[in-house]
Amino acid sequence: MPSDNNQLDPAPDNSSKPLVNKIQKLTNQSTLAFELPFTFVGAVAVGGLIGFYLDKWLHSGPWLMIVFGTFGFVAGIVEIARRLGPGKST
């Protein structure tokens, strides 16, 4: 029979709760800081590549690449604003 003195899972105390919340907040902020540059650059790159291949297909020069690269830039800014906007608790 197990005795009450040898508990494998001691009752959690409330003193570690602020530390856990602080670690979770730091982890969420770090994740967001590493993720946002890739999101932004990816949006610009995808827009530019779509424009590049449309230019190649339609023989229209660099104009569609510039237009779609700009759309990608705007989409990247909107995505960053959406993730960092008001009401977001990180």
PDB file of N, CA and C in Angstrom:
ATOM      1  N   MET A   1       0.827  -1.181   0.000  1.00  0.00           N
ATOM      2  CA  MET A   1       0.000   0.000   0.000  1.00  0.00           C
ATOM      3  C   MET A   1       0.876   1.250   0.000  1.00  0.00           C
ATOM      4  N   PRO A   2       0.553   2.199  -0.833  1.00  0.00           N
ATOM      5  CA  PRO A   2       1.341   3.427  -0.835  1.00  0.00           C
ATOM      6  C   PRO A   2       1.009   4.274   0.381  1.00  0.00           C
ATOM      7  N   SER A   3       2.030   4.876   0.908  1.00  0.00           N
ATOM      8  CA  SER A   3       1.800   5.751   2.056  1.00  0.00           C
ATOM      9  C   SER A   3       1.576   7.181   1.574  1.00  0.00           C
ATOM     10  N   ASP A   4       0.968   7.962   2.422  1.00  0.00           N
ATOM     11  CA  ASP A   4       0.685   9.348   2.065  1.00  0.00           C
ATOM     12  C   ASP A   4       1.941  10.205   2.049  1.00  0.00           C
ATOM     13  N   ASN A   5       2.995   9.753   2.680  1.00  0.00           N
ATOM     14  CA  ASN A   5       4.231  10.537   2.745  1.00  0.00           C
ATOM     15  C   ASN A   5       5.022  10.493   1.446  1.00  0.00           C
ATOM     16  N   ASN A   6       4.817   9.498   0.619  1.00  0.00           N
ATOM     17  CA  ASN A   6       5.579   9.334  -0.616  1.00  0.00           C
ATOM     18  C   ASN A   6       4.707   9.657  -1.831  1.00  0.00           C
ATOM     19  N   GLN A   7       4.285  10.868  -1.946  1.00  0.00           N
ATOM     20  CA  GLN A   7       3.469  11.256  -3.092  1.00  0.00           C
ATOM     21  C   GLN A   7       4.372  11.508  -4.292  1.00  0.00           C
ATOM     22  N   LEU A   8       3.964  10.938  -5.427  1.00  0.00           N
ATOM     23  CA  LEU A   8       4.736  11.150  -6.651  1.00  0.00           C
ATOM     24  C   LEU A   8       4.424  12.500  -7.281  1.00  0.00           C
ATOM     25  N   ASP A   9       3.191  12.943  -7.132  1.00  0.00           N
ATOM     26  CA  ASP A   9       2.774  14.206  -7.742  1.00  0.00           C
ATOM     27  C   ASP A   9       2.325  15.154  -6.640  1.00  0.00           C
ATOM     28  N   PRO A  10       3.236  15.973  -6.132  1.00  0.00           N
ATOM     29  CA  PRO A  10       2.842  16.873  -5.051  1.00  0.00           C
ATOM     30  C   PRO A  10       1.851  17.910  -5.560  1.00  0.00           C
ATOM     31  N   ALA A  11       1.049  18.422  -4.672  1.00  0.00           N
ATOM     32  CA  ALA A  11       0.059  19.444  -5.025  1.00  0.00           C
ATOM     33  C   ALA A  11       0.783  20.695  -5.491  1.00  0.00           C
ATOM     34  N   PRO A  12       0.351  21.260  -6.618  1.00  0.00           N
ATOM     35  CA  PRO A  12       1.031  22.463  -7.119  1.00  0.00           C
ATOM     36  C   PRO A  12       0.757  23.646  -6.205  1.00  0.00           C
ATOM     37  N   ASP A  13       1.764  24.446  -5.995  1.00  0.00           N
ATOM     38  CA  ASP A  13       1.561  25.648  -5.202  1.00  0.00           C
ATOM     39  C   ASP A  13       1.351  26.830  -6.139  1.00  0.00           C
ATOM     40  N   ASN A  14       0.764  27.861  -5.636  1.00  0.00           N
ATOM     41  CA  ASN A  14       0.438  29.026  -6.463  1.00  0.00           C
ATOM     42  C   ASN A  14       1.619  29.966  -6.645  1.00  0.00           C
ATOM     43  N   SER A  15       2.743  29.687  -6.003  1.00  0.00           N
ATOM     44  CA  SER A  15       3.892  30.585  -6.136  1.00  0.00           C
ATOM     45  C   SER A  15       4.566  30.463  -7.505  1.00  0.00           C
ATOM     46  N   SER A  16       4.395  29.338  -8.186  1.00  0.00           N
ATOM     47  CA  SER A  16       5.024  29.167  -9.498  1.00  0.00           C
ATOM     48  C   SER A  16       4.147  29.675 -10.639  1.00  0.00           C
ATOM     49  N   LYS A  17       2.902  30.012 -10.376  1.00  0.00           N
ATOM     50  CA  LYS A  17       1.995  30.460 -11.427  1.00  0.00           C
ATOM     51  C   LYS A  17       2.470  31.744 -12.114  1.00  0.00           C
ATOM     52  N   PRO A  18       2.903  32.792 -11.390  1.00  0.00           N
ATOM     53  CA  PRO A  18       3.414  33.982 -12.093  1.00  0.00           C
ATOM     54  C   PRO A  18       4.632  33.685 -12.954  1.00  0.00           C
ATOM     55  N   LEU A  19       5.484  32.790 -12.496  1.00  0.00           N
ATOM     56  CA  LEU A  19       6.666  32.432 -13.273  1.00  0.00           C
ATOM     57  C   LEU A  19       6.267  31.717 -14.561  1.00  0.00           C
ATOM     58  N   VAL A  20       5.288  30.828 -14.480  1.00  0.00           N
ATOM     59  CA  VAL A  20       4.816  30.110 -15.664  1.00  0.00           C
ATOM     60  C   VAL A  20       4.196  31.089 -16.654  1.00  0.00           C
ATOM     61  N   ASN A  21       3.398  32.030 -16.156  1.00  0.00           N
ATOM     62  CA  ASN A  21       2.789  33.031 -17.040  1.00  0.00           C
ATOM     63  C   ASN A  21       3.853  33.898 -17.709  1.00  0.00           C
ATOM     64  N   LYS A  22       4.889  34.247 -16.961  1.00  0.00           N
ATOM     65  CA  LYS A  22       5.973  35.058 -17.522  1.00  0.00           C
ATOM     66  C   LYS A  22       6.723  34.288 -18.607  1.00  0.00           C
ATOM     67  N   ILE A  23       6.966  33.013 -18.376  1.00  0.00           N
ATOM     68  CA  ILE A  23       7.658  32.187 -19.366  1.00  0.00           C
ATOM     69  C   ILE A  23       6.797  32.012 -20.610  1.00  0.00           C
ATOM     70  N   GLN A  24       5.492  31.811 -20.450  1.00  0.00           N
ATOM     71  CA  GLN A  24       4.601  31.676 -21.604  1.00  0.00           C
ATOM     72  C   GLN A  24       4.555  32.964 -22.420  1.00  0.00           C
ATOM     73  N   LYS A  25       4.519  34.097 -21.735  1.00  0.00           N
ATOM     74  CA  LYS A  25       4.489  35.381 -22.442  1.00  0.00           C
ATOM     75  C   LYS A  25       5.783  35.593 -23.225  1.00  0.00           C
ATOM     76  N   LEU A  26       6.915  35.285 -22.603  1.00  0.00           N
ATOM     77  CA  LEU A  26       8.205  35.418 -23.273  1.00  0.00           C
ATOM     78  C   LEU A  26       8.304  34.479 -24.474  1.00  0.00           C
ATOM     79  N   THR A  27       7.818  33.273 -24.320  1.00  0.00           N
ATOM     80  CA  THR A  27       7.833  32.309 -25.424  1.00  0.00           C
ATOM     81  C   THR A  27       6.958  32.784 -26.574  1.00  0.00           C
ATOM     82  N   ASN A  28       5.767  33.294 -26.272  1.00  0.00           N
ATOM     83  CA  ASN A  28       4.879  33.797 -27.324  1.00  0.00           C
ATOM     84  C   ASN A  28       5.492  34.983 -28.052  1.00  0.00           C
ATOM     85  N   GLN A  29       6.123  35.886 -27.302  1.00  0.00           N
ATOM     86  CA  GLN A  29       6.754  37.049 -27.923  1.00  0.00           C
ATOM     87  C   GLN A  29       7.943  36.642 -28.788  1.00  0.00           C
ATOM     88  N   SER A  30       8.724  35.691 -28.315  1.00  0.00           N
ATOM     89  CA  SER A  30       9.879  35.227 -29.091  1.00  0.00           C
ATOM     90  C   SER A  30       9.436  34.545 -30.374  1.00  0.00           C
ATOM     91  N   THR A  31       8.405  33.733 -30.272  1.00  0.00           N
ATOM     92  CA  THR A  31       7.879  33.048 -31.453  1.00  0.00           C
ATOM     93  C   THR A  31       7.401  34.056 -32.486  1.00  0.00           C
ATOM     94  N   LEU A  32       6.678  35.057 -32.032  1.00  0.00           N
ATOM     95  CA  LEU A  32       6.178  36.085 -32.942  1.00  0.00           C
ATOM     96  C   LEU A  32       7.328  36.873 -33.564  1.00  0.00           C
ATOM     97  N   ALA A  33       8.355  37.176 -32.773  1.00  0.00           N
ATOM     98  CA  ALA A  33       9.501  37.936 -33.291  1.00  0.00           C
ATOM     99  C   ALA A  33      10.268  37.157 -34.357  1.00  0.00           C
ATOM    100  N   PHE A  34      10.337  35.846 -34.218  1.00  0.00           N
ATOM    101  CA  PHE A  34      11.027  35.039 -35.223  1.00  0.00           C
ATOM    102  C   PHE A  34      10.147  34.764 -36.433  1.00  0.00           C
ATOM    103  N   GLU A  35       8.836  34.772 -36.252  1.00  0.00           N
ATOM    104  CA  GLU A  35       7.918  34.415 -37.328  1.00  0.00           C
ATOM    105  C   GLU A  35       7.608  35.582 -38.265  1.00  0.00           C
ATOM    106  N   LEU A  36       7.465  36.783 -37.740  1.00  0.00           N
ATOM    107  CA  LEU A  36       7.036  37.926 -38.553  1.00  0.00           C
ATOM    108  C   LEU A  36       7.973  38.284 -39.703  1.00  0.00           C
ATOM    109  N   PRO A  37       9.294  38.272 -39.532  1.00  0.00           N
ATOM    110  CA  PRO A  37      10.136  38.574 -40.700  1.00  0.00           C
ATOM    111  C   PRO A  37       9.960  37.578 -41.846  1.00  0.00           C
ATOM    112  N   PHE A  38       9.803  36.298 -41.503  1.00  0.00           N
ATOM    113  CA  PHE A  38       9.599  35.298 -42.554  1.00  0.00           C
ATOM    114  C   PHE A  38       8.253  35.496 -43.240  1.00  0.00           C
ATOM    115  N   THR A  39       7.254  35.874 -42.481  1.00  0.00           N
ATOM    116  CA  THR A  39       5.931  36.146 -43.054  1.00  0.00           C
ATOM    117  C   THR A  39       5.999  37.309 -44.025  1.00  0.00           C
ATOM    118  N   PHE A  40       6.673  38.373 -43.626  1.00  0.00           N
ATOM    119  CA  PHE A  40       6.759  39.567 -44.473  1.00  0.00           C
ATOM    120  C   PHE A  40       7.555  39.293 -45.743  1.00  0.00           C
ATOM    121  N   VAL A  41       8.730  38.720 -45.584  1.00  0.00           N
ATOM    122  CA  VAL A  41       9.574  38.433 -46.751  1.00  0.00           C
ATOM    123  C   VAL A  41       8.894  37.413 -47.661  1.00  0.00           C
ATOM    124  N   GLY A  42       8.224  36.442 -47.075  1.00  0.00           N
ATOM    125  CA  GLY A  42       7.513  35.441 -47.874  1.00  0.00           C
ATOM    126  C   GLY A  42       6.402  36.060 -48.707  1.00  0.00           C
ATOM    127  N   ALA A  43       5.665  37.004 -48.129  1.00  0.00           N
ATOM    128  CA  ALA A  43       4.585  37.656 -48.875  1.00  0.00           C
ATOM    129  C   ALA A  43       5.133  38.446 -50.058  1.00  0.00           C
ATOM    130  N   VAL A  44       6.221  39.180 -49.841  1.00  0.00           N
ATOM    131  CA  VAL A  44       6.829  39.952 -50.933  1.00  0.00           C
ATOM    132  C   VAL A  44       7.390  39.014 -51.997  1.00  0.00           C
ATOM    133  N   ALA A  45       8.047  37.928 -51.572  1.00  0.00           N
ATOM    134  CA  ALA A  45       8.641  36.983 -52.526  1.00  0.00           C
ATOM    135  C   ALA A  45       7.571  36.277 -53.352  1.00  0.00           C
ATOM    136  N   VAL A  46       6.500  35.859 -52.717  1.00  0.00           N
ATOM    137  CA  VAL A  46       5.426  35.174 -53.462  1.00  0.00           C
ATOM    138  C   VAL A  46       4.783  36.133 -54.449  1.00  0.00           C
ATOM    139  N   GLY A  47       4.519  37.358 -54.018  1.00  0.00           N
ATOM    140  CA  GLY A  47       3.941  38.346 -54.936  1.00  0.00           C
ATOM    141  C   GLY A  47       4.872  38.638 -56.104  1.00  0.00           C
ATOM    142  N   GLY A  48       6.153  38.793 -55.815  1.00  0.00           N
ATOM    143  CA  GLY A  48       7.126  39.058 -56.883  1.00  0.00           C
ATOM    144  C   GLY A  48       7.263  37.889 -57.844  1.00  0.00           C
ATOM    145  N   LEU A  49       7.251  36.670 -57.321  1.00  0.00           N
ATOM    146  CA  LEU A  49       7.350  35.495 -58.201  1.00  0.00           C
ATOM    147  C   LEU A  49       6.123  35.334 -59.083  1.00  0.00           C
ATOM    148  N   ILE A  50       4.949  35.595 -58.527  1.00  0.00           N
ATOM    149  CA  ILE A  50       3.734  35.538 -59.353  1.00  0.00           C
ATOM    150  C   ILE A  50       3.838  36.559 -60.472  1.00  0.00           C
ATOM    151  N   GLY A  51       4.246  37.783 -60.139  1.00  0.00           N
ATOM    152  CA  GLY A  51       4.410  38.819 -61.160  1.00  0.00           C
ATOM    153  C   GLY A  51       5.474  38.466 -62.176  1.00  0.00           C
ATOM    154  N   PHE A  52       6.585  37.867 -61.716  1.00  0.00           N
ATOM    155  CA  PHE A  52       7.663  37.473 -62.623  1.00  0.00           C
ATOM    156  C   PHE A  52       7.172  36.460 -63.649  1.00  0.00           C
ATOM    157  N   TYR A  53       6.472  35.431 -63.180  1.00  0.00           N
ATOM    158  CA  TYR A  53       6.010  34.404 -64.113  1.00  0.00           C
ATOM    159  C   TYR A  53       4.881  34.905 -65.013  1.00  0.00           C
ATOM    160  N   LEU A  54       4.052  35.815 -64.514  1.00  0.00           N
ATOM    161  CA  LEU A  54       3.050  36.422 -65.393  1.00  0.00           C
ATOM    162  C   LEU A  54       3.711  37.301 -66.458  1.00  0.00           C
ATOM    163  N   ASP A  55       4.745  38.038 -66.060  1.00  0.00           N
ATOM    164  CA  ASP A  55       5.494  38.840 -67.032  1.00  0.00           C
ATOM    165  C   ASP A  55       6.143  37.946 -68.093  1.00  0.00           C
ATOM    166  N   LYS A  56       6.702  36.851 -67.642  1.00  0.00           N
ATOM    167  CA  LYS A  56       7.346  35.922 -68.571  1.00  0.00           C
ATOM    168  C   LYS A  56       6.327  35.320 -69.535  1.00  0.00           C
ATOM    169  N   TRP A  57       5.162  34.998 -69.022  1.00  0.00           N
ATOM    170  CA  TRP A  57       4.124  34.370 -69.836  1.00  0.00           C
ATOM    171  C   TRP A  57       3.487  35.383 -70.805  1.00  0.00           C
ATOM    172  N   LEU A  58       3.264  36.617 -70.334  1.00  0.00           N
ATOM    173  CA  LEU A  58       2.588  37.630 -71.147  1.00  0.00           C
ATOM    174  C   LEU A  58       3.547  38.570 -71.878  1.00  0.00           C
ATOM    175  N   HIS A  59       4.860  38.412 -71.670  1.00  0.00           N
ATOM    176  CA  HIS A  59       5.881  39.265 -72.294  1.00  0.00           C
ATOM    177  C   HIS A  59       5.595  40.745 -72.028  1.00  0.00           C
ATOM    178  N   SER A  60       5.364  41.077 -70.776  1.00  0.00           N
ATOM    179  CA  SER A  60       4.971  42.444 -70.441  1.00  0.00           C
ATOM    180  C   SER A  60       6.048  43.218 -69.692  1.00  0.00           C
ATOM    181  N   GLY A  61       7.259  42.705 -69.648  1.00  0.00           N
ATOM    182  CA  GLY A  61       8.312  43.441 -68.959  1.00  0.00           C
ATOM    183  C   GLY A  61       8.187  43.280 -67.451  1.00  0.00           C
ATOM    184  N   PRO A  62       8.815  44.150 -66.717  1.00  0.00           N
ATOM    185  CA  PRO A  62       8.825  43.964 -65.256  1.00  0.00           C
ATOM    186  C   PRO A  62       7.600  44.530 -64.547  1.00  0.00           C
ATOM    187  N   TRP A  63       6.593  44.995 -65.302  1.00  0.00           N
ATOM    188  CA  TRP A  63       5.498  45.728 -64.672  1.00  0.00           C
ATOM    189  C   TRP A  63       4.643  44.865 -63.754  1.00  0.00           C
ATOM    190  N   LEU A  64       4.318  43.680 -64.151  1.00  0.00           N
ATOM    191  CA  LEU A  64       3.500  42.829 -63.288  1.00  0.00           C
ATOM    192  C   LEU A  64       4.284  42.362 -62.058  1.00  0.00           C
ATOM    193  N   MET A  65       5.584  42.181 -62.221  1.00  0.00           N
ATOM    194  CA  MET A  65       6.405  41.816 -61.072  1.00  0.00           C
ATOM    195  C   MET A  65       6.412  42.958 -60.045  1.00  0.00           C
ATOM    196  N   ILE A  66       6.494  44.183 -60.517  1.00  0.00           N
ATOM    197  CA  ILE A  66       6.461  45.334 -59.616  1.00  0.00           C
ATOM    198  C   ILE A  66       5.092  45.447 -58.948  1.00  0.00           C
ATOM    199  N   VAL A  67       4.035  45.269 -59.725  1.00  0.00           N
ATOM    200  CA  VAL A  67       2.678  45.386 -59.178  1.00  0.00           C
ATOM    201  C   VAL A  67       2.418  44.297 -58.152  1.00  0.00           C
ATOM    202  N   PHE A  68       2.707  43.050 -58.493  1.00  0.00           N
ATOM    203  CA  PHE A  68       2.440  41.955 -57.568  1.00  0.00           C
ATOM    204  C   PHE A  68       3.412  41.966 -56.384  1.00  0.00           C
ATOM    205  N   GLY A  69       4.636  42.443 -56.594  1.00  0.00           N
ATOM    206  CA  GLY A  69       5.560  42.625 -55.469  1.00  0.00           C
ATOM    207  C   GLY A  69       5.036  43.670 -54.493  1.00  0.00           C
ATOM    208  N   THR A  70       4.436  44.724 -55.032  1.00  0.00           N
ATOM    209  CA  THR A  70       3.813  45.745 -54.190  1.00  0.00           C
ATOM    210  C   THR A  70       2.613  45.175 -53.445  1.00  0.00           C
ATOM    211  N   PHE A  71       1.808  44.367 -54.134  1.00  0.00           N
ATOM    212  CA  PHE A  71       0.685  43.690 -53.455  1.00  0.00           C
ATOM    213  C   PHE A  71       1.201  42.802 -52.324  1.00  0.00           C
ATOM    214  N   GLY A  72       2.291  42.108 -52.561  1.00  0.00           N
ATOM    215  CA  GLY A  72       2.890  41.276 -51.523  1.00  0.00           C
ATOM    216  C   GLY A  72       3.393  42.101 -50.360  1.00  0.00           C
ATOM    217  N   PHE A  73       3.994  43.251 -50.661  1.00  0.00           N
ATOM    218  CA  PHE A  73       4.463  44.154 -49.615  1.00  0.00           C
ATOM    219  C   PHE A  73       3.301  44.621 -48.748  1.00  0.00           C
ATOM    220  N   VAL A  74       2.219  45.040 -49.394  1.00  0.00           N
ATOM    221  CA  VAL A  74       1.039  45.500 -48.660  1.00  0.00           C
ATOM    222  C   VAL A  74       0.436  44.354 -47.853  1.00  0.00           C
ATOM    223  N   ALA A  75       0.379  43.167 -48.443  1.00  0.00           N
ATOM    224  CA  ALA A  75      -0.155  42.011 -47.722  1.00  0.00           C
ATOM    225  C   ALA A  75       0.705  41.676 -46.501  1.00  0.00           C
ATOM    226  N   GLY A  76       2.016  41.816 -46.625  1.00  0.00           N
ATOM    227  CA  GLY A  76       2.903  41.580 -45.491  1.00  0.00           C
ATOM    228  C   GLY A  76       2.684  42.586 -44.379  1.00  0.00           C
ATOM    229  N   ILE A  77       2.523  43.851 -44.730  1.00  0.00           N
ATOM    230  CA  ILE A  77       2.259  44.891 -43.738  1.00  0.00           C
ATOM    231  C   ILE A  77       0.918  44.642 -43.055  1.00  0.00           C
ATOM    232  N   VAL A  78      -0.104  44.274 -43.830  1.00  0.00           N
ATOM    233  CA  VAL A  78      -1.423  44.001 -43.255  1.00  0.00           C
ATOM    234  C   VAL A  78      -1.360  42.810 -42.296  1.00  0.00           C
ATOM    235  N   GLU A  79      -0.624  41.785 -42.667  1.00  0.00           N
ATOM    236  CA  GLU A  79      -0.491  40.611 -41.806  1.00  0.00           C
ATOM    237  C   GLU A  79       0.226  40.954 -40.505  1.00  0.00           C
ATOM    238  N   ILE A  80       1.266  41.767 -40.582  1.00  0.00           N
ATOM    239  CA  ILE A  80       1.963  42.190 -39.363  1.00  0.00           C
ATOM    240  C   ILE A  80       1.035  43.039 -38.491  1.00  0.00           C
ATOM    241  N   ALA A  81       0.296  43.949 -39.105  1.00  0.00           N
ATOM    242  CA  ALA A  81      -0.638  44.776 -38.346  1.00  0.00           C
ATOM    243  C   ALA A  81      -1.739  43.925 -37.718  1.00  0.00           C
ATOM    244  N   ARG A  82      -2.178  42.894 -38.426  1.00  0.00           N
ATOM    245  CA  ARG A  82      -3.216  42.020 -37.886  1.00  0.00           C
ATOM    246  C   ARG A  82      -2.703  41.264 -36.677  1.00  0.00           C
ATOM    247  N   ARG A  83      -1.473  40.795 -36.737  1.00  0.00           N
ATOM    248  CA  ARG A  83      -0.928  40.020 -35.629  1.00  0.00           C
ATOM    249  C   ARG A  83      -0.509  40.875 -34.441  1.00  0.00           C
ATOM    250  N   LEU A  84      -0.127  42.122 -34.683  1.00  0.00           N
ATOM    251  CA  LEU A  84       0.309  42.998 -33.600  1.00  0.00           C
ATOM    252  C   LEU A  84      -0.735  44.036 -33.234  1.00  0.00           C
ATOM    253  N   GLY A  85      -1.897  43.981 -33.852  1.00  0.00           N
ATOM    254  CA  GLY A  85      -2.911  45.002 -33.670  1.00  0.00           C
ATOM    255  C   GLY A  85      -3.468  45.074 -32.265  1.00  0.00           C
ATOM    256  N   PRO A  86      -4.349  46.060 -32.046  1.00  0.00           N
ATOM    257  CA  PRO A  86      -4.942  46.232 -30.720  1.00  0.00           C
ATOM    258  C   PRO A  86      -5.792  45.017 -30.345  1.00  0.00           C
ATOM    259  N   GLY A  87      -5.785  44.716 -29.077  1.00  0.00           N
ATOM    260  CA  GLY A  87      -6.549  43.578 -28.600  1.00  0.00           C
ATOM    261  C   GLY A  87      -5.771  42.280 -28.609  1.00  0.00           C
ATOM    262  N   LYS A  88      -4.554  42.304 -29.116  1.00  0.00           N
ATOM    263  CA  LYS A  88      -3.717  41.097 -29.137  1.00  0.00           C
ATOM    264  C   LYS A  88      -2.888  41.067 -27.871  1.00  0.00           C
ATOM    265  N   SER A  89      -3.071  40.052 -27.073  1.00  0.00           N
ATOM    266  CA  SER A  89      -2.262  39.927 -25.867  1.00  0.00           C
ATOM    267  C   SER A  89      -1.176  38.895 -26.123  1.00  0.00           C
ATOM    268  N   THR A  90       0.054  39.338 -26.094  1.00  0.00           N
ATOM    269  CA  THR A  90       1.176  38.420 -26.313  1.00  0.00           C
ATOM    270  C   THR A  90       1.939  38.189 -25.058  1.00  0.00           C
TER     271      THR A  90
END
